Amino acid sequence: MMKFYQHLRAGLTVTIALNTAQTWLRNATKDELIQQLALNPQQRLQLMIGLENSDANTKAFESPYHWAAFCAIGQ
C-alpha cells in the first residue's frame, strides 16, 4: 500500500498506481524490500525475521496470494 500511495501522490491514476505497486511487490527481492520500504524499526525487524531463511534474491511476494486481492474502485 505504501508504494500505491507513493505512485498516486506522484500523479498516476488509481489503476496505474495499483498495477505498478503490485508489479513492484511481485518482483521485489528480499534486499529490495528491506532497503526501500520506509518501515519503523519494529516492522523492519518483523520483515527481516519473516524472510531470514531466504537468500537476498528471493522474491518473497511473487505469488498472487500476496498482491492480487487488492483492487481499485473509483477514482
N, C-alpha and C. Protein backbone atom coordinates (compact mmCIF):
# COMPACT_ATOMS: atom_id res chain seq x y z
N MET A 1 0.82 -1.19 0.00
CA MET A 1 0.00 0.00 0.00
C MET A 1 0.87 1.25 0.00
N MET A 2 2.02 1.17 0.63
CA MET A 2 2.92 2.33 0.65
C MET A 2 3.32 2.71 -0.77
N LYS A 3 3.68 1.73 -1.57
CA LYS A 3 4.07 2.01 -2.96
C LYS A 3 2.88 2.56 -3.75
N PHE A 4 1.70 2.02 -3.51
CA PHE A 4 0.50 2.52 -4.19
C PHE A 4 0.32 4.01 -3.93
N TYR A 5 0.39 4.41 -2.68
CA TYR A 5 0.18 5.82 -2.35
C TYR A 5 1.33 6.70 -2.85
N GLN A 6 2.53 6.18 -2.89
CA GLN A 6 3.64 6.95 -3.47
C GLN A 6 3.37 7.24 -4.93
N HIS A 7 2.91 6.22 -5.66
CA HIS A 7 2.62 6.40 -7.09
C HIS A 7 1.42 7.32 -7.29
N LEU A 8 0.42 7.18 -6.44
CA LEU A 8 -0.76 8.02 -6.53
C LEU A 8 -0.39 9.49 -6.28
N ARG A 9 0.43 9.72 -5.28
CA ARG A 9 0.87 11.08 -4.97
C ARG A 9 1.72 11.65 -6.10
N ALA A 10 2.41 10.77 -6.83
CA ALA A 10 3.24 11.22 -7.95
C ALA A 10 2.41 11.58 -9.19
N GLY A 11 1.09 11.36 -9.12
CA GLY A 11 0.24 11.78 -10.22
C GLY A 11 -0.30 10.66 -11.11
N LEU A 12 0.02 9.42 -10.80
CA LEU A 12 -0.53 8.32 -11.60
C LEU A 12 -2.00 8.14 -11.29
N THR A 13 -2.74 7.59 -12.23
CA THR A 13 -4.15 7.28 -11.98
C THR A 13 -4.22 6.14 -10.97
N VAL A 14 -5.39 5.94 -10.38
CA VAL A 14 -5.57 4.89 -9.37
C VAL A 14 -5.21 3.52 -9.94
N THR A 15 -5.72 3.22 -11.12
CA THR A 15 -5.48 1.89 -11.69
C THR A 15 -4.01 1.67 -12.04
N ILE A 16 -3.37 2.67 -12.59
CA ILE A 16 -1.95 2.55 -12.94
C ILE A 16 -1.11 2.48 -11.67
N ALA A 17 -1.43 3.27 -10.66
CA ALA A 17 -0.69 3.25 -9.40
C ALA A 17 -0.80 1.89 -8.73
N LEU A 18 -1.99 1.31 -8.75
CA LEU A 18 -2.18 -0.01 -8.14
C LEU A 18 -1.42 -1.07 -8.91
N ASN A 19 -1.54 -1.05 -10.22
CA ASN A 19 -0.83 -2.04 -11.03
C ASN A 19 0.68 -1.93 -10.87
N THR A 20 1.18 -0.72 -10.82
CA THR A 20 2.62 -0.50 -10.64
C THR A 20 3.08 -1.00 -9.28
N ALA A 21 2.29 -0.75 -8.25
CA ALA A 21 2.64 -1.22 -6.91
C ALA A 21 2.60 -2.74 -6.85
N GLN A 22 1.60 -3.36 -7.47
CA GLN A 22 1.51 -4.81 -7.48
C GLN A 22 2.70 -5.43 -8.23
N THR A 23 3.06 -4.84 -9.34
CA THR A 23 4.19 -5.34 -10.11
C THR A 23 5.48 -5.20 -9.31
N TRP A 24 5.65 -4.08 -8.63
CA TRP A 24 6.84 -3.88 -7.80
C TRP A 24 6.90 -4.95 -6.71
N LEU A 25 5.79 -5.18 -6.01
CA LEU A 25 5.78 -6.15 -4.93
C LEU A 25 6.06 -7.55 -5.45
N ARG A 26 5.49 -7.89 -6.59
CA ARG A 26 5.69 -9.20 -7.19
C ARG A 26 7.16 -9.44 -7.55
N ASN A 27 7.85 -8.40 -8.00
CA ASN A 27 9.22 -8.55 -8.48
C ASN A 27 10.29 -8.16 -7.46
N ALA A 28 9.89 -7.61 -6.32
CA ALA A 28 10.86 -7.14 -5.32
C ALA A 28 11.58 -8.31 -4.65
N THR A 29 12.89 -8.19 -4.56
CA THR A 29 13.68 -9.21 -3.86
C THR A 29 13.70 -8.89 -2.37
N LYS A 30 14.18 -9.83 -1.60
CA LYS A 30 14.29 -9.63 -0.15
C LYS A 30 15.06 -8.36 0.17
N ASP A 31 16.21 -8.18 -0.45
CA ASP A 31 17.03 -6.99 -0.19
C ASP A 31 16.31 -5.70 -0.58
N GLU A 32 15.61 -5.70 -1.71
CA GLU A 32 14.87 -4.51 -2.13
C GLU A 32 13.76 -4.17 -1.15
N LEU A 33 13.08 -5.17 -0.66
CA LEU A 33 12.01 -4.93 0.31
C LEU A 33 12.56 -4.28 1.57
N ILE A 34 13.64 -4.81 2.08
CA ILE A 34 14.22 -4.30 3.32
C ILE A 34 14.78 -2.89 3.12
N GLN A 35 15.41 -2.63 1.98
CA GLN A 35 16.05 -1.34 1.74
C GLN A 35 15.06 -0.24 1.38
N GLN A 36 14.05 -0.53 0.58
CA GLN A 36 13.22 0.52 0.02
C GLN A 36 11.98 0.85 0.83
N LEU A 37 11.52 -0.06 1.65
CA LEU A 37 10.32 0.23 2.42
C LEU A 37 10.68 1.04 3.65
N ALA A 38 10.00 2.15 3.81
CA ALA A 38 10.25 3.04 4.95
C ALA A 38 9.46 2.54 6.15
N LEU A 39 9.94 1.49 6.76
CA LEU A 39 9.26 0.88 7.89
C LEU A 39 9.84 1.39 9.20
N ASN A 40 9.03 1.36 10.24
CA ASN A 40 9.59 1.68 11.54
C ASN A 40 10.45 0.49 11.97
N PRO A 41 11.31 0.65 12.96
CA PRO A 41 12.25 -0.42 13.33
C PRO A 41 11.58 -1.75 13.66
N GLN A 42 10.43 -1.73 14.31
CA GLN A 42 9.76 -2.98 14.66
C GLN A 42 9.24 -3.70 13.42
N GLN A 43 8.65 -2.94 12.47
CA GLN A 43 8.16 -3.55 11.24
C GLN A 43 9.31 -4.10 10.41
N ARG A 44 10.41 -3.37 10.37
CA ARG A 44 11.59 -3.83 9.64
C ARG A 44 12.11 -5.14 10.23
N LEU A 45 12.14 -5.22 11.55
CA LEU A 45 12.60 -6.43 12.23
C LEU A 45 11.68 -7.60 11.92
N GLN A 46 10.36 -7.37 11.94
CA GLN A 46 9.40 -8.43 11.63
C GLN A 46 9.58 -8.93 10.20
N LEU A 47 9.80 -8.01 9.26
CA LEU A 47 10.03 -8.40 7.87
C LEU A 47 11.31 -9.22 7.75
N MET A 48 12.36 -8.77 8.40
CA MET A 48 13.63 -9.48 8.33
C MET A 48 13.52 -10.87 8.96
N ILE A 49 12.79 -10.99 10.07
CA ILE A 49 12.60 -12.30 10.70
C ILE A 49 11.79 -13.21 9.79
N GLY A 50 10.76 -12.66 9.16
CA GLY A 50 9.93 -13.45 8.26
C GLY A 50 10.68 -13.94 7.03
N LEU A 51 11.70 -13.22 6.65
CA LEU A 51 12.47 -13.57 5.45
C LEU A 51 13.86 -14.11 5.76
N GLU A 52 14.15 -14.38 7.03
CA GLU A 52 15.51 -14.72 7.43
C GLU A 52 16.06 -15.97 6.76
N ASN A 53 15.22 -16.92 6.40
CA ASN A 53 15.71 -18.15 5.78
C ASN A 53 15.77 -18.05 4.26
N SER A 54 15.53 -16.85 3.74
CA SER A 54 15.55 -16.63 2.29
C SER A 54 16.86 -16.00 1.88
N ASP A 55 17.31 -16.28 0.66
CA ASP A 55 18.51 -15.60 0.19
C ASP A 55 18.14 -14.20 -0.32
N ALA A 56 19.13 -13.40 -0.62
CA ALA A 56 18.94 -11.99 -0.95
C ALA A 56 18.10 -11.77 -2.20
N ASN A 57 18.11 -12.72 -3.13
CA ASN A 57 17.39 -12.56 -4.39
C ASN A 57 16.01 -13.20 -4.38
N THR A 58 15.56 -13.69 -3.25
CA THR A 58 14.25 -14.31 -3.14
C THR A 58 13.15 -13.29 -3.38
N LYS A 59 12.19 -13.65 -4.17
CA LYS A 59 11.01 -12.80 -4.41
C LYS A 59 9.89 -13.33 -3.50
N ALA A 60 9.88 -12.84 -2.27
CA ALA A 60 9.02 -13.38 -1.23
C ALA A 60 7.53 -13.19 -1.51
N PHE A 61 7.17 -12.18 -2.27
CA PHE A 61 5.76 -11.87 -2.51
C PHE A 61 5.39 -12.06 -3.98
N GLU A 62 6.07 -12.95 -4.65
CA GLU A 62 5.83 -13.20 -6.06
C GLU A 62 4.46 -13.83 -6.32
N SER A 63 3.98 -14.61 -5.40
CA SER A 63 2.70 -15.29 -5.56
C SER A 63 1.54 -14.29 -5.55
N PRO A 64 0.54 -14.50 -6.41
CA PRO A 64 -0.63 -13.62 -6.42
C PRO A 64 -1.35 -13.59 -5.07
N TYR A 65 -1.13 -14.57 -4.24
CA TYR A 65 -1.74 -14.60 -2.91
C TYR A 65 -1.48 -13.30 -2.15
N HIS A 66 -0.31 -12.71 -2.36
CA HIS A 66 0.10 -11.53 -1.60
C HIS A 66 -0.38 -10.20 -2.19
N TRP A 67 -0.69 -10.16 -3.47
CA TRP A 67 -1.00 -8.86 -4.08
C TRP A 67 -2.26 -8.82 -4.93
N ALA A 68 -2.80 -9.96 -5.31
CA ALA A 68 -3.93 -9.96 -6.26
C ALA A 68 -5.26 -9.55 -5.64
N ALA A 69 -5.39 -9.61 -4.35
CA ALA A 69 -6.68 -9.28 -3.71
C ALA A 69 -6.97 -7.78 -3.69
N PHE A 70 -5.95 -6.97 -3.87
CA PHE A 70 -6.16 -5.52 -3.87
C PHE A 70 -6.77 -5.10 -5.20
N CYS A 71 -7.81 -4.29 -5.13
CA CYS A 71 -8.46 -3.83 -6.35
C CYS A 71 -8.76 -2.33 -6.23
N ALA A 72 -8.90 -1.69 -7.36
CA ALA A 72 -9.18 -0.26 -7.41
C ALA A 72 -10.64 -0.03 -7.76
N ILE A 73 -11.31 0.75 -6.93
CA ILE A 73 -12.71 1.09 -7.18
C ILE A 73 -12.82 2.62 -7.12
N GLY A 74 -13.32 3.21 -8.15
CA GLY A 74 -13.47 4.65 -8.19
C GLY A 74 -12.20 5.35 -8.66
N GLN A 75 -12.17 6.67 -8.43
CA GLN A 75 -11.04 7.45 -8.89
C GLN A 75 -10.33 7.95 -7.70
